[in-house]
Structure formats: structure tokens, C-alpha cells
Amino acid sequence: MLKLLLGLGLFAFGLAAAEDQAVAPSCSLAPGWTQDGQARFYTNENLYEYMDGNSEGYFSYNFQNMHGITCKQGETTFVIDISDMGDADDAFGWFSATRDLRQPAYQVGMGGQIVPRRLIFAKGKYYVEIAANPEGDFTAALQQWAAALDKLVPGSTSAPAALAWFPTGKLQTLKLAPESVLGLKLLKRGYVAQYDYGKAFVVQEDTPESAGAVMHSLRQRGAVMHSLRQRFGDTTAVKLGDDAFQSTDKYLGRMCFVRTGRYIAGYAIATPGMDPVALTAALVQKIH
């Protein structure tokens, strides 16, 4: 039995290693490009050496490892990196955090963007990026590489299901917050949508029980902060989901929190005329 378990473990490790190596980029993916220097490989332990102090953002989104290579065509240099972010939520979350909201999206993978000297996209658990040098507009070449890398990288091209739960009217941004959703440490990780009138959020806990514990802590936190700094007002029970309450926050405005299964969701409304309870009720109907 022990030999069987060891064999299965080694087999699984071998499959993971094979997939990991399969996503390593190659300059031969696009015609006319040649490799410049050695291929790169980084993990949590040494990414900081490559990113020159900018690795913390990657770590916030569950970075596992990175395969990279530098390719040249004449005087043009493309620095190509593919990062394993652990899962599709984190890959898409890091893409959303790094894209330029002033520029249009580019249809590749789960979501992408091309600007004159940069390509980024997310697909499955992978985050793909190319930085181009020198100055110039490399859009056409980046589009060619986007198609080639899209074929190389495995994984779903469908955006995370949670994105469809949020209403699109008056939506400004929708991102994965890797920690402290709404600035509350109790809400460790979740999606936050910014609207003209406030914010909506969905946090996924490990289990319904852990979600219930967070709701209890939020209530306790509200009472404590009201006593000390009037951070929260008193909480009022609401008939939504498995457990819900509303409150008022000095900075976030009128809030509604609801637990449905292992999800905690709600709204923080900063402007008058919008009902956080009604908005939360509509949001809960879409969560599954």
C-alpha cells in the first residue's frame, strides 16, 4: 500500500512538473525571433532578484513560479514571462491589477491588453506578460505573440464566474482584493466592485462555519469600534441569506453584510438614494 501511495505521489508530481515545463516560453513560437541569453526560472524565494523590489504584488496574488525568456528580432527585444499564480482567480486578479484602465482590452485568454510596448493576459492559472524594447509601437508583433502564447498556455478562457454576479450599471472597476476587503482584515480575500454610488463585494470563506465566524466577528467589531471610535454604528438584523445585518460606517457609509453558504457579500453605499439592503438582496440571488 505504501509503495502504491508513493507511486501515485511521484506520478502526480511528475504530471505537475511536466505541465510546469510545458508552459515555458520559446523564441521559436514566432518566426524570425532568436533567443538572447539563458532561459529564466523564478520561485517565491528568488523572484525579488529579478523584479528589483516589485515582487510583492505577485506574492499578493499567490505567485508560485515564473518561466521567462528574452527573444530578439533585429534591434527589437521582447522580455517574455509566464507566471503560475496558483488558480484562475489569482491569475485574473493580477491581470486586473496590472492592466491600464485607460486603454482597451484585447481578446486573448480570460482577458488581455496590448499597448505599444506591452502585452499582458491571463489564462487559467497563468499570467503572461511581454515587455518590448526599445521605444516604438510593437502592436502587430505583440498580437502575433499573443496568439502563439495563447496556444501554448493551458487553461480556461472563461473569466471567473464571480465577475458575472455583479451588476454592470454604473460600474467603474471590478477587481480581486487579495487581502483586507473594504479595508477590513476580517474579510481576507474577495472581489470588490466600485460603482458611482459605493462598493459591492463578495468574499469566499473556506466553509459555511468559517463564514459564520466572520459574521459574528464583524458584529463584535462593530460594537467595539462604536464604543471606542464610533467606527461602526449599531448593527440591525436583516432577513437575507443565512445571516445578515446592516450598519453604518463613518467612512464606508451605509452597509449591508450577508452570509449565504460560505460566501459573505454586501454593499457599502456612500451616497444617498441607494438602498444597500435591496442591492445586497439582488446580489445574493446571483451567487452560486
Protein backbone atom coordinates (compact mmCIF):
# COMPACT_ATOMS: atom_id res chain seq x y z
CA MET A 1 0.00 0.00 0.00
CA LEU A 2 2.82 2.37 0.91
CA LYS A 3 4.52 1.68 -2.41
CA LEU A 4 1.25 2.40 -4.22
CA LEU A 5 0.82 5.72 -2.42
CA LEU A 6 4.41 6.68 -3.10
CA GLY A 7 3.98 5.73 -6.73
CA LEU A 8 0.82 7.82 -7.06
CA GLY A 9 2.55 10.73 -5.37
CA LEU A 10 5.51 10.57 -7.71
CA PHE A 11 3.17 10.26 -10.70
CA ALA A 12 1.23 13.36 -9.66
CA PHE A 13 4.47 15.24 -9.07
CA GLY A 14 5.69 14.18 -12.50
CA LEU A 15 2.50 15.41 -14.16
CA ALA A 16 2.75 18.77 -12.39
CA ALA A 17 6.40 19.12 -13.38
CA ALA A 18 5.60 18.22 -16.99
CA GLU A 19 2.84 20.83 -17.19
CA ASP A 20 5.06 23.38 -15.49
CA GLN A 21 7.79 22.85 -18.06
CA ALA A 22 5.29 22.82 -20.93
CA VAL A 23 4.36 26.46 -20.35
CA ALA A 24 7.96 27.66 -20.57
CA PRO A 25 8.05 30.14 -23.49
CA SER A 26 10.29 29.59 -26.50
CA CYS A 27 11.51 32.09 -29.08
CA SER A 28 10.60 29.58 -31.79
CA LEU A 29 6.90 30.22 -31.13
CA ALA A 30 7.02 33.16 -33.54
CA PRO A 31 9.04 33.18 -36.79
CA GLY A 32 12.12 35.36 -37.03
CA TRP A 33 12.92 35.53 -33.32
CA THR A 34 16.04 34.15 -31.64
CA GLN A 35 16.88 33.55 -28.01
CA ASP A 36 19.07 36.09 -26.22
CA GLY A 37 20.72 34.71 -23.09
CA GLN A 38 19.60 31.89 -20.84
CA ALA A 39 16.03 30.93 -20.01
CA ARG A 40 14.82 32.16 -16.61
CA PHE A 41 13.05 30.39 -13.77
CA TYR A 42 12.00 32.02 -10.50
CA THR A 43 10.10 30.98 -7.39
CA ASN A 44 8.90 32.74 -4.25
CA GLU A 45 12.41 32.51 -2.90
CA ASN A 46 14.23 34.46 -5.60
CA LEU A 47 11.69 36.46 -7.64
CA TYR A 48 12.79 39.64 -5.87
CA GLU A 49 16.17 39.33 -7.58
CA TYR A 50 14.50 39.61 -10.99
CA MET A 51 11.72 42.07 -10.16
CA ASP A 52 14.03 44.57 -8.44
CA GLY A 53 11.74 45.10 -5.45
CA ASN A 54 8.45 44.79 -7.35
CA SER A 55 7.74 41.19 -6.39
CA GLU A 56 5.28 41.94 -3.57
CA GLY A 57 2.40 42.43 -5.98
CA TYR A 58 2.97 38.97 -7.44
CA PHE A 59 3.13 37.45 -3.96
CA SER A 60 -0.19 39.10 -3.02
CA TYR A 61 -1.84 37.12 -5.81
CA ASN A 62 -0.50 33.70 -4.83
CA PHE A 63 2.56 33.60 -7.12
CA GLN A 64 4.02 30.08 -7.49
CA ASN A 65 6.76 30.33 -10.12
CA MET A 66 7.78 32.06 -13.34
CA HIS A 67 9.30 30.83 -16.60
CA GLY A 68 10.89 33.51 -18.76
CA ILE A 69 12.97 34.07 -21.84
CA THR A 70 14.31 37.02 -23.84
CA CYS A 71 13.83 36.99 -27.62
CA LYS A 72 15.33 39.26 -30.27
CA GLN A 73 14.46 40.19 -33.82
CA GLY A 74 16.95 42.67 -35.22
CA GLU A 75 17.19 45.52 -32.72
CA THR A 76 13.89 44.61 -31.06
CA THR A 77 13.90 42.78 -27.73
CA PHE A 78 10.91 41.05 -26.14
CA VAL A 79 11.18 40.00 -22.48
CA ILE A 80 8.60 37.21 -22.09
CA ASP A 81 7.44 35.80 -18.75
CA ILE A 82 4.75 33.27 -17.80
CA SER A 83 3.78 33.11 -14.12
CA ASP A 84 1.85 30.34 -12.39
CA MET A 85 -0.47 32.16 -9.97
CA GLY A 86 -1.97 29.03 -8.41
CA ASP A 87 -5.54 29.40 -9.69
CA ALA A 88 -7.63 31.31 -12.21
CA ASP A 89 -8.96 33.81 -9.66
CA ASP A 90 -5.47 34.97 -8.75
CA ALA A 91 -4.25 34.99 -12.36
CA PHE A 92 -7.20 37.13 -13.43
CA GLY A 93 -6.88 39.20 -10.27
CA TRP A 94 -3.25 40.05 -11.01
CA PHE A 95 -4.14 40.86 -14.62
CA SER A 96 -6.91 43.19 -13.41
CA ALA A 97 -4.49 44.86 -11.00
CA THR A 98 -1.83 45.46 -13.66
CA ARG A 99 -3.89 46.46 -16.70
CA ASP A 100 -4.24 50.10 -17.72
CA LEU A 101 -7.92 51.01 -17.29
CA ARG A 102 -7.49 53.90 -19.69
CA GLN A 103 -6.68 51.50 -22.53
CA PRO A 104 -8.99 48.99 -24.24
CA ALA A 105 -8.91 45.27 -23.56
CA TYR A 106 -7.54 42.77 -26.08
CA GLN A 107 -9.36 39.49 -26.63
CA VAL A 108 -6.97 36.73 -25.58
CA GLY A 109 -7.23 34.14 -22.81
CA MET A 110 -9.58 35.13 -19.99
CA GLY A 111 -8.71 38.75 -20.61
CA GLY A 112 -5.80 40.66 -22.06
CA GLN A 113 -4.39 44.02 -23.06
CA ILE A 114 -1.92 45.22 -25.67
CA VAL A 115 -0.34 48.67 -25.63
CA PRO A 116 2.53 49.70 -27.93
CA ARG A 117 5.29 48.14 -25.80
CA ARG A 118 3.44 45.68 -23.57
CA LEU A 119 1.27 42.57 -23.67
CA ILE A 120 -0.45 41.04 -20.64
CA PHE A 121 -3.13 38.39 -20.36
CA ALA A 122 -4.46 35.73 -18.01
CA LYS A 123 -5.45 32.21 -18.95
CA GLY A 124 -6.33 29.50 -16.47
CA LYS A 125 -3.89 29.85 -13.59
CA TYR A 126 -1.27 31.64 -15.69
CA TYR A 127 -0.37 35.29 -16.10
CA VAL A 128 1.53 36.12 -19.30
CA GLU A 129 3.48 39.30 -20.00
CA ILE A 130 5.81 40.73 -22.63
CA ALA A 131 7.84 43.92 -22.28
CA ALA A 132 9.22 45.34 -25.55
CA ASN A 133 12.31 47.47 -26.17
CA PRO A 134 13.40 49.95 -27.47
CA GLU A 135 10.84 52.77 -27.79
CA GLY A 136 8.29 52.21 -30.54
CA ASP A 137 4.94 50.69 -31.42
CA PHE A 138 5.16 46.89 -31.44
CA THR A 139 1.42 46.22 -31.51
CA ALA A 140 1.49 43.95 -34.58
CA ALA A 141 4.30 41.77 -33.21
CA LEU A 142 2.68 41.63 -29.78
CA GLN A 143 -0.56 40.44 -31.38
CA GLN A 144 1.37 37.68 -33.14
CA TRP A 145 2.96 36.63 -29.87
CA ALA A 146 -0.38 36.80 -28.06
CA ALA A 147 -1.80 34.23 -30.47
CA ALA A 148 1.25 31.97 -30.11
CA LEU A 149 1.31 32.12 -26.31
CA ASP A 150 -2.44 31.60 -26.11
CA LYS A 151 -1.92 28.27 -27.89
CA LEU A 152 0.94 27.34 -25.56
CA VAL A 153 -0.66 28.15 -22.22
CA PRO A 154 -3.30 25.67 -20.97
CA GLY A 155 -6.41 26.61 -19.02
CA SER A 156 -9.84 28.13 -19.28
CA THR A 157 -10.54 31.21 -21.37
CA SER A 158 -13.68 31.98 -19.33
CA ALA A 159 -13.36 34.75 -16.77
CA PRO A 160 -14.03 33.76 -13.12
CA ALA A 161 -17.73 33.11 -12.54
CA ALA A 162 -17.88 35.66 -9.73
CA LEU A 163 -17.48 38.52 -12.20
CA ALA A 164 -20.94 37.82 -13.59
CA TRP A 165 -22.55 38.20 -10.17
CA PHE A 166 -22.04 41.97 -10.05
CA PRO A 167 -24.38 44.39 -11.86
CA THR A 168 -22.73 46.32 -14.68
CA GLY A 169 -24.69 49.56 -14.45
CA LYS A 170 -22.52 52.46 -13.27
CA LEU A 171 -19.64 50.02 -12.72
CA GLN A 172 -16.21 51.67 -12.63
CA THR A 173 -13.86 48.82 -11.67
CA LEU A 174 -14.12 45.17 -10.63
CA LYS A 175 -11.06 43.59 -9.05
CA LEU A 176 -9.95 40.78 -6.79
CA ALA A 177 -8.75 42.23 -3.49
CA PRO A 178 -6.08 39.79 -2.25
CA GLU A 179 -6.50 40.92 1.36
CA SER A 180 -8.49 43.21 3.67
CA VAL A 181 -11.62 43.62 1.53
CA LEU A 182 -13.10 47.09 2.20
CA GLY A 183 -10.10 47.65 4.46
CA LEU A 184 -11.44 45.06 6.94
CA LYS A 185 -8.87 42.43 7.91
CA LEU A 186 -11.67 40.00 8.76
CA LEU A 187 -12.62 39.91 5.07
CA LYS A 188 -9.44 38.29 3.87
CA ARG A 189 -9.89 37.94 0.10
CA GLY A 190 -12.65 38.66 -2.39
CA TYR A 191 -13.99 40.59 -5.35
CA VAL A 192 -14.77 44.29 -4.98
CA ALA A 193 -16.79 46.30 -7.49
CA GLN A 194 -16.54 50.08 -7.41
CA TYR A 195 -19.66 51.96 -8.52
CA ASP A 196 -20.56 55.63 -8.75
CA TYR A 197 -22.53 55.25 -5.53
CA GLY A 198 -20.38 52.86 -3.48
CA LYS A 199 -18.91 49.36 -3.41
CA ALA A 200 -20.16 45.79 -3.70
CA PHE A 201 -18.15 42.80 -2.53
CA VAL A 202 -18.16 39.01 -2.42
CA VAL A 203 -15.81 37.10 -0.12
CA GLN A 204 -15.45 33.32 -0.23
CA GLU A 205 -14.65 31.59 3.04
CA ASP A 206 -13.40 28.00 3.29
CA THR A 207 -16.63 26.70 4.85
CA PRO A 208 -20.07 27.97 5.91
CA GLU A 209 -18.88 27.64 9.51
CA SER A 210 -15.86 29.90 8.97
CA ALA A 211 -18.11 32.39 7.16
CA GLY A 212 -20.43 32.37 10.16
CA ALA A 213 -17.49 33.04 12.48
CA VAL A 214 -16.52 36.06 10.38
CA MET A 215 -20.08 37.43 10.55
CA HIS A 216 -20.01 37.08 14.34
CA SER A 217 -16.66 38.87 14.46
CA LEU A 218 -17.98 41.66 12.25
CA ARG A 219 -20.85 42.22 14.67
CA GLN A 220 -18.48 42.25 17.64
CA ARG A 221 -16.10 44.54 15.80
CA GLY A 222 -18.93 46.94 15.04
CA ALA A 223 -19.91 47.20 18.70
CA VAL A 224 -16.32 47.68 19.86
CA MET A 225 -15.48 50.29 17.27
CA HIS A 226 -18.70 52.18 18.04
CA SER A 227 -17.69 52.33 21.68
CA LEU A 228 -14.10 53.37 21.03
CA ARG A 229 -14.06 55.45 17.88
CA GLN A 230 -17.60 55.34 16.52
CA ARG A 231 -16.16 53.38 13.63
CA PHE A 232 -19.35 51.40 13.19
CA GLY A 233 -22.85 52.16 14.35
CA ASP A 234 -25.15 49.58 15.92
CA THR A 235 -25.99 46.55 13.79
CA THR A 236 -29.56 45.68 12.80
CA ALA A 237 -30.62 42.21 11.68
CA VAL A 238 -31.82 41.77 8.09
CA LYS A 239 -33.76 38.84 6.65
CA LEU A 240 -31.40 37.78 3.88
CA GLY A 241 -29.47 34.57 3.15
CA ASP A 242 -28.36 32.53 6.15
CA ASP A 243 -27.47 35.55 8.27
CA ALA A 244 -27.44 39.27 7.56
CA PHE A 245 -27.22 42.67 9.20
CA GLN A 246 -26.88 46.31 8.29
CA SER A 247 -24.84 49.05 9.88
CA THR A 248 -23.37 52.48 9.22
CA ASP A 249 -19.67 53.24 8.95
CA LYS A 250 -18.05 56.64 9.30
CA TYR A 251 -16.02 56.16 6.11
CA LEU A 252 -17.78 53.48 4.06
CA GLY A 253 -21.32 54.74 4.65
CA ARG A 254 -24.44 52.57 4.91
CA MET A 255 -23.53 48.88 4.76
CA CYS A 256 -25.22 45.53 4.47
CA PHE A 257 -23.47 42.20 5.12
CA VAL A 258 -24.99 38.82 4.29
CA ARG A 259 -23.76 35.25 4.59
CA THR A 260 -25.02 32.69 2.11
CA GLY A 261 -23.29 29.34 2.50
CA ARG A 262 -19.56 30.00 2.57
CA TYR A 263 -19.90 33.41 0.90
CA ILE A 264 -20.07 36.80 2.59
CA ALA A 265 -21.36 39.57 0.37
CA GLY A 266 -22.83 43.02 0.56
CA TYR A 267 -22.68 46.70 -0.26
CA ALA A 268 -21.17 49.82 1.21
CA ILE A 269 -23.10 52.86 -0.03
CA ALA A 270 -21.51 56.28 0.24
CA THR A 271 -24.20 58.37 -1.48
CA PRO A 272 -27.90 58.91 -0.68
CA GLY A 273 -30.74 57.44 -2.70
CA MET A 274 -29.49 53.84 -2.88
CA ASP A 275 -30.60 51.04 -0.54
CA PRO A 276 -27.73 48.70 0.45
CA VAL A 277 -30.18 46.03 1.66
CA ALA A 278 -32.09 45.91 -1.62
CA LEU A 279 -28.86 45.88 -3.63
CA THR A 280 -27.45 43.10 -1.45
CA ALA A 281 -30.64 41.05 -1.87
CA ALA A 282 -30.24 41.25 -5.66
CA LEU A 283 -26.56 40.31 -5.42
CA VAL A 284 -27.29 37.27 -3.26
CA GLN A 285 -29.68 35.91 -5.88
CA LYS A 286 -26.79 35.59 -8.33
CA ILE A 287 -24.25 33.93 -6.03
CA HIS A 288 -23.93 30.19 -6.53
